[in-house]
PDB file of N, CA and C in Angstrom:
ATOM      1  N   MET A   1       3.890   0.026   2.358  1.00  0.00           N
ATOM      2  CA  MET A   1       3.152   0.636   3.437  1.00  0.00           C
ATOM      3  C   MET A   1       3.741   1.994   3.801  1.00  0.00           C
ATOM      4  N   LEU A   2       5.028   2.152   3.574  1.00  0.00           N
ATOM      5  CA  LEU A   2       5.642   3.448   3.844  1.00  0.00           C
ATOM      6  C   LEU A   2       5.014   4.548   2.999  1.00  0.00           C
ATOM      7  N   PHE A   3       4.480   4.169   1.855  1.00  0.00           N
ATOM      8  CA  PHE A   3       3.903   5.151   0.945  1.00  0.00           C
ATOM      9  C   PHE A   3       2.387   5.226   1.038  1.00  0.00           C
ATOM     10  N   SER A   4       1.817   4.594   2.044  1.00  0.00           N
ATOM     11  CA  SER A   4       0.365   4.596   2.284  1.00  0.00           C
ATOM     12  C   SER A   4      -0.424   4.167   1.054  1.00  0.00           C
ATOM     13  N   MET A   5       0.012   3.084   0.445  1.00  0.00           N
ATOM     14  CA  MET A   5      -0.684   2.559  -0.726  1.00  0.00           C
ATOM     15  C   MET A   5      -1.718   1.528  -0.308  1.00  0.00           C
ATOM     16  N   SER A   6      -2.742   1.430  -1.094  1.00  0.00           N
ATOM     17  CA  SER A   6      -3.730   0.376  -0.883  1.00  0.00           C
ATOM     18  C   SER A   6      -3.117  -0.969  -1.288  1.00  0.00           C
ATOM     19  N   ARG A   7      -3.812  -2.032  -0.972  1.00  0.00           N
ATOM     20  CA  ARG A   7      -3.346  -3.365  -1.355  1.00  0.00           C
ATOM     21  C   ARG A   7      -3.161  -3.464  -2.862  1.00  0.00           C
ATOM     22  N   ASP A   8      -4.134  -2.954  -3.609  1.00  0.00           N
ATOM     23  CA  ASP A   8      -4.047  -3.023  -5.067  1.00  0.00           C
ATOM     24  C   ASP A   8      -2.898  -2.177  -5.609  1.00  0.00           C
ATOM     25  N   ASP A   9      -2.683  -1.003  -5.016  1.00  0.00           N
ATOM     26  CA  ASP A   9      -1.556  -0.169  -5.428  1.00  0.00           C
ATOM     27  C   ASP A   9      -0.234  -0.882  -5.158  1.00  0.00           C
ATOM     28  N   CYS A  10      -0.141  -1.544  -4.013  1.00  0.00           N
ATOM     29  CA  CYS A  10       1.073  -2.307  -3.681  1.00  0.00           C
ATOM     30  C   CYS A  10       1.301  -3.422  -4.694  1.00  0.00           C
ATOM     31  N   MET A  11       0.239  -4.122  -5.035  1.00  0.00           N
ATOM     32  CA  MET A  11       0.367  -5.217  -5.996  1.00  0.00           C
ATOM     33  C   MET A  11       0.856  -4.705  -7.344  1.00  0.00           C
ATOM     34  N   ARG A  12       0.272  -3.603  -7.819  1.00  0.00           N
ATOM     35  CA  ARG A  12       0.685  -3.035  -9.107  1.00  0.00           C
ATOM     36  C   ARG A  12       2.131  -2.545  -9.073  1.00  0.00           C
ATOM     37  N   THR A  13       2.489  -1.843  -8.011  1.00  0.00           N
ATOM     38  CA  THR A  13       3.824  -1.270  -7.898  1.00  0.00           C
ATOM     39  C   THR A  13       4.885  -2.361  -7.806  1.00  0.00           C
ATOM     40  N   LEU A  14       4.646  -3.373  -6.988  1.00  0.00           N
ATOM     41  CA  LEU A  14       5.618  -4.457  -6.867  1.00  0.00           C
ATOM     42  C   LEU A  14       5.729  -5.255  -8.162  1.00  0.00           C
ATOM     43  N   ALA A  15       4.640  -5.423  -8.856  1.00  0.00           N
ATOM     44  CA  ALA A  15       4.683  -6.128 -10.142  1.00  0.00           C
ATOM     45  C   ALA A  15       5.505  -5.335 -11.158  1.00  0.00           C
ATOM     46  N   GLU A  16       5.288  -4.046 -11.186  1.00  0.00           N
ATOM     47  CA  GLU A  16       5.966  -3.194 -12.173  1.00  0.00           C
ATOM     48  C   GLU A  16       7.441  -2.989 -11.861  1.00  0.00           C
ATOM     49  N   HIS A  17       7.761  -2.704 -10.607  1.00  0.00           N
ATOM     50  CA  HIS A  17       9.123  -2.302 -10.264  1.00  0.00           C
ATOM     51  C   HIS A  17       9.999  -3.419  -9.704  1.00  0.00           C
ATOM     52  N   ALA A  18       9.388  -4.470  -9.187  1.00  0.00           N
ATOM     53  CA  ALA A  18      10.185  -5.542  -8.590  1.00  0.00           C
ATOM     54  C   ALA A  18       9.907  -6.899  -9.238  1.00  0.00           C
ATOM     55  N   ASP A  19       9.062  -6.904 -10.254  1.00  0.00           N
ATOM     56  CA  ASP A  19       8.717  -8.125 -10.969  1.00  0.00           C
ATOM     57  C   ASP A  19       8.197  -9.219 -10.033  1.00  0.00           C
ATOM     58  N   ILE A  20       7.389  -8.802  -9.047  1.00  0.00           N
ATOM     59  CA  ILE A  20       6.754  -9.744  -8.121  1.00  0.00           C
ATOM     60  C   ILE A  20       5.317  -9.935  -8.590  1.00  0.00           C
ATOM     61  N   HIS A  21       4.967 -11.159  -8.843  1.00  0.00           N
ATOM     62  CA  HIS A  21       3.630 -11.453  -9.343  1.00  0.00           C
ATOM     63  C   HIS A  21       2.573 -11.010  -8.324  1.00  0.00           C
ATOM     64  N   PRO A  22       1.490 -10.402  -8.795  1.00  0.00           N
ATOM     65  CA  PRO A  22       0.444  -9.919  -7.892  1.00  0.00           C
ATOM     66  C   PRO A  22      -0.101 -10.978  -6.946  1.00  0.00           C
ATOM     67  N   ILE A  23      -0.166 -12.223  -7.386  1.00  0.00           N
ATOM     68  CA  ILE A  23      -0.701 -13.270  -6.503  1.00  0.00           C
ATOM     69  C   ILE A  23       0.198 -13.468  -5.287  1.00  0.00           C
ATOM     70  N   VAL A  24       1.498 -13.265  -5.444  1.00  0.00           N
ATOM     71  CA  VAL A  24       2.422 -13.388  -4.316  1.00  0.00           C
ATOM     72  C   VAL A  24       2.150 -12.273  -3.310  1.00  0.00           C
ATOM     73  N   THR A  25       2.036 -11.051  -3.812  1.00  0.00           N
ATOM     74  CA  THR A  25       1.754  -9.918  -2.933  1.00  0.00           C
ATOM     75  C   THR A  25       0.415 -10.113  -2.235  1.00  0.00           C
ATOM     76  N   LEU A  26      -0.580 -10.539  -2.968  1.00  0.00           N
ATOM     77  CA  LEU A  26      -1.903 -10.763  -2.392  1.00  0.00           C
ATOM     78  C   LEU A  26      -1.852 -11.833  -1.295  1.00  0.00           C
ATOM     79  N   THR A  27      -1.149 -12.909  -1.553  1.00  0.00           N
ATOM     80  CA  THR A  27      -1.042 -13.988  -0.576  1.00  0.00           C
ATOM     81  C   THR A  27      -0.357 -13.503   0.701  1.00  0.00           C
ATOM     82  N   VAL A  28       0.740 -12.788   0.553  1.00  0.00           N
ATOM     83  CA  VAL A  28       1.453 -12.265   1.722  1.00  0.00           C
ATOM     84  C   VAL A  28       0.572 -11.277   2.470  1.00  0.00           C
ATOM     85  N   TRP A  29      -0.086 -10.377   1.735  1.00  0.00           N
ATOM     86  CA  TRP A  29      -0.959  -9.378   2.358  1.00  0.00           C
ATOM     87  C   TRP A  29      -2.051 -10.066   3.183  1.00  0.00           C
ATOM     88  N   GLU A  30      -2.687 -11.072   2.595  1.00  0.00           N
ATOM     89  CA  GLU A  30      -3.774 -11.775   3.282  1.00  0.00           C
ATOM     90  C   GLU A  30      -3.276 -12.505   4.531  1.00  0.00           C
ATOM     91  N   GLU A  31      -2.092 -13.097   4.467  1.00  0.00           N
ATOM     92  CA  GLU A  31      -1.539 -13.777   5.639  1.00  0.00           C
ATOM     93  C   GLU A  31      -1.194 -12.776   6.736  1.00  0.00           C
ATOM     94  N   LEU A  32      -0.615 -11.637   6.353  1.00  0.00           N
ATOM     95  CA  LEU A  32      -0.332 -10.603   7.344  1.00  0.00           C
ATOM     96  C   LEU A  32      -1.620 -10.078   7.964  1.00  0.00           C
ATOM     97  N   LEU A  33      -2.644  -9.936   7.166  1.00  0.00           N
ATOM     98  CA  LEU A  33      -3.946  -9.495   7.662  1.00  0.00           C
ATOM     99  C   LEU A  33      -4.488 -10.465   8.714  1.00  0.00           C
ATOM    100  N   LYS A  34      -4.350 -11.759   8.464  1.00  0.00           N
ATOM    101  CA  LYS A  34      -4.805 -12.758   9.431  1.00  0.00           C
ATOM    102  C   LYS A  34      -4.060 -12.624  10.757  1.00  0.00           C
ATOM    103  N   GLU A  35      -2.763 -12.338  10.669  1.00  0.00           N
ATOM    104  CA  GLU A  35      -1.926 -12.271  11.864  1.00  0.00           C
ATOM    105  C   GLU A  35      -2.129 -10.995  12.672  1.00  0.00           C
ATOM    106  N   ASN A  36      -2.492  -9.908  12.002  1.00  0.00           N
ATOM    107  CA  ASN A  36      -2.598  -8.634  12.709  1.00  0.00           C
ATOM    108  C   ASN A  36      -3.764  -7.819  12.161  1.00  0.00           C
ATOM    109  N   LYS A  37      -4.947  -8.324  12.388  1.00  0.00           N
ATOM    110  CA  LYS A  37      -6.167  -7.729  11.842  1.00  0.00           C
ATOM    111  C   LYS A  37      -6.358  -6.270  12.277  1.00  0.00           C
ATOM    112  N   SER A  38      -6.096  -5.966  13.537  1.00  0.00           N
ATOM    113  CA  SER A  38      -6.313  -4.598  14.022  1.00  0.00           C
ATOM    114  C   SER A  38      -5.378  -3.600  13.340  1.00  0.00           C
ATOM    115  N   PHE A  39      -4.129  -4.004  13.087  1.00  0.00           N
ATOM    116  CA  PHE A  39      -3.210  -3.118  12.377  1.00  0.00           C
ATOM    117  C   PHE A  39      -3.736  -2.810  10.984  1.00  0.00           C
ATOM    118  N   PHE A  40      -4.156  -3.832  10.261  1.00  0.00           N
ATOM    119  CA  PHE A  40      -4.607  -3.626   8.894  1.00  0.00           C
ATOM    120  C   PHE A  40      -5.929  -2.860   8.826  1.00  0.00           C
ATOM    121  N   GLN A  41      -6.766  -3.005   9.830  1.00  0.00           N
ATOM    122  CA  GLN A  41      -7.982  -2.193   9.870  1.00  0.00           C
ATOM    123  C   GLN A  41      -7.611  -0.718  10.034  1.00  0.00           C
ATOM    124  N   ALA A  42      -6.688  -0.435  10.936  1.00  0.00           N
ATOM    125  CA  ALA A  42      -6.234   0.945  11.141  1.00  0.00           C
ATOM    126  C   ALA A  42      -5.512   1.461   9.898  1.00  0.00           C
ATOM    127  N   TYR A  43      -4.683   0.630   9.299  1.00  0.00           N
ATOM    128  CA  TYR A  43      -3.955   1.027   8.089  1.00  0.00           C
ATOM    129  C   TYR A  43      -4.926   1.334   6.957  1.00  0.00           C
ATOM    130  N   SER A  44      -5.903   0.466   6.768  1.00  0.00           N
ATOM    131  CA  SER A  44      -6.893   0.669   5.717  1.00  0.00           C
ATOM    132  C   SER A  44      -7.658   1.969   5.937  1.00  0.00           C
ATOM    133  N   HIS A  45      -8.023   2.235   7.177  1.00  0.00           N
ATOM    134  CA  HIS A  45      -8.710   3.485   7.510  1.00  0.00           C
ATOM    135  C   HIS A  45      -7.812   4.683   7.216  1.00  0.00           C
ATOM    136  N   SER A  46      -6.546   4.582   7.580  1.00  0.00           N
ATOM    137  CA  SER A  46      -5.586   5.664   7.347  1.00  0.00           C
ATOM    138  C   SER A  46      -5.418   5.940   5.850  1.00  0.00           C
ATOM    139  N   VAL A  47      -5.301   4.881   5.073  1.00  0.00           N
ATOM    140  CA  VAL A  47      -5.154   5.037   3.620  1.00  0.00           C
ATOM    141  C   VAL A  47      -6.402   5.682   3.036  1.00  0.00           C
ATOM    142  N   SER A  48      -7.574   5.274   3.517  1.00  0.00           N
ATOM    143  CA  SER A  48      -8.829   5.864   3.042  1.00  0.00           C
ATOM    144  C   SER A  48      -8.885   7.349   3.357  1.00  0.00           C
ATOM    145  N   GLU A  49      -8.480   7.715   4.560  1.00  0.00           N
ATOM    146  CA  GLU A  49      -8.466   9.121   4.963  1.00  0.00           C
ATOM    147  C   GLU A  49      -7.498   9.929   4.102  1.00  0.00           C
ATOM    148  N   ASN A  50      -6.325   9.367   3.834  1.00  0.00           N
ATOM    149  CA  ASN A  50      -5.318  10.069   3.032  1.00  0.00           C
ATOM    150  C   ASN A  50      -5.763  10.271   1.596  1.00  0.00           C
ATOM    151  N   ASN A  51      -6.579   9.375   1.095  1.00  0.00           N
ATOM    152  CA  ASN A  51      -7.009   9.467  -0.304  1.00  0.00           C
ATOM    153  C   ASN A  51      -8.225  10.354  -0.502  1.00  0.00           C
ATOM    154  N   ARG A  52      -8.793  10.870   0.579  1.00  0.00           N
ATOM    155  CA  ARG A  52      -9.957  11.740   0.440  1.00  0.00           C
ATOM    156  C   ARG A  52      -9.588  13.121  -0.071  1.00  0.00           C
ATOM    157  N   TRP A  53      -8.438  13.614   0.310  1.00  0.00           N
ATOM    158  CA  TRP A  53      -8.037  14.958  -0.047  1.00  0.00           C
ATOM    159  C   TRP A  53      -6.884  14.920  -1.033  1.00  0.00           C
ATOM    160  N   PRO A  54      -6.921  15.756  -2.060  1.00  0.00           N
ATOM    161  CA  PRO A  54      -5.786  15.807  -2.984  1.00  0.00           C
ATOM    162  C   PRO A  54      -4.537  16.274  -2.236  1.00  0.00           C
ATOM    163  N   GLN A  55      -3.431  15.638  -2.519  1.00  0.00           N
ATOM    164  CA  GLN A  55      -2.190  16.013  -1.873  1.00  0.00           C
ATOM    165  C   GLN A  55      -1.399  16.927  -2.795  1.00  0.00           C
ATOM    166  N   GLU A  56      -0.659  17.864  -2.189  1.00  0.00           N
ATOM    167  CA  GLU A  56       0.127  18.792  -2.980  1.00  0.00           C
ATOM    168  C   GLU A  56       1.249  18.081  -3.710  1.00  0.00           C
ATOM    169  N   THR A  57       1.812  17.068  -3.097  1.00  0.00           N
ATOM    170  CA  THR A  57       2.845  16.270  -3.757  1.00  0.00           C
ATOM    171  C   THR A  57       2.448  14.821  -3.643  1.00  0.00           C
ATOM    172  N   ASP A  58       2.863  14.030  -4.610  1.00  0.00           N
ATOM    173  CA  ASP A  58       2.547  12.610  -4.504  1.00  0.00           C
ATOM    174  C   ASP A  58       3.508  11.939  -3.532  1.00  0.00           C
ATOM    175  N   ASN A  59       3.203  10.726  -3.149  1.00  0.00           N
ATOM    176  CA  ASN A  59       3.997  10.025  -2.147  1.00  0.00           C
ATOM    177  C   ASN A  59       5.445   9.844  -2.575  1.00  0.00           C
ATOM    178  N   ALA A  60       5.687   9.581  -3.839  1.00  0.00           N
ATOM    179  CA  ALA A  60       7.060   9.356  -4.300  1.00  0.00           C
ATOM    180  C   ALA A  60       7.902  10.622  -4.085  1.00  0.00           C
ATOM    181  N   ASN A  61       7.349  11.769  -4.443  1.00  0.00           N
ATOM    182  CA  ASN A  61       8.089  13.007  -4.238  1.00  0.00           C
ATOM    183  C   ASN A  61       8.244  13.321  -2.763  1.00  0.00           C
ATOM    184  N   HIS A  62       7.261  12.984  -1.965  1.00  0.00           N
ATOM    185  CA  HIS A  62       7.297  13.243  -0.526  1.00  0.00           C
ATOM    186  C   HIS A  62       8.471  12.493   0.125  1.00  0.00           C
ATOM    187  N   TYR A  63       8.774  11.324  -0.400  1.00  0.00           N
ATOM    188  CA  TYR A  63       9.842  10.519   0.175  1.00  0.00           C
ATOM    189  C   TYR A  63      11.147  10.649  -0.602  1.00  0.00           C
ATOM    190  N   GLY A  64      11.252  11.688  -1.413  1.00  0.00           N
ATOM    191  CA  GLY A  64      12.503  11.975  -2.099  1.00  0.00           C
ATOM    192  C   GLY A  64      12.776  11.108  -3.299  1.00  0.00           C
ATOM    193  N   ARG A  65      11.769  10.454  -3.856  1.00  0.00           N
ATOM    194  CA  ARG A  65      11.951   9.644  -5.042  1.00  0.00           C
ATOM    195  C   ARG A  65      11.321  10.357  -6.219  1.00  0.00           C
ATOM    196  N   THR A  66      11.842  10.122  -7.379  1.00  0.00           N
ATOM    197  CA  THR A  66      11.273  10.725  -8.578  1.00  0.00           C
ATOM    198  C   THR A  66      10.796   9.683  -9.539  1.00  0.00           C
TER     199      THR A  66
END
């Protein structure tokens, strides 16, 4: 969430870099969504807004990662 990734981006990234199966990420995401629906609605809207415009740097570079 720090990198403003969508649910699918989170699933792919965690699978690739942390060897966490996508179903685990999906299950946790869905449970968190149930617990705090308004947060996830706002987060989803924010991610959608951020993805409308091309960014000069990608999120990884923005946070000092390469």
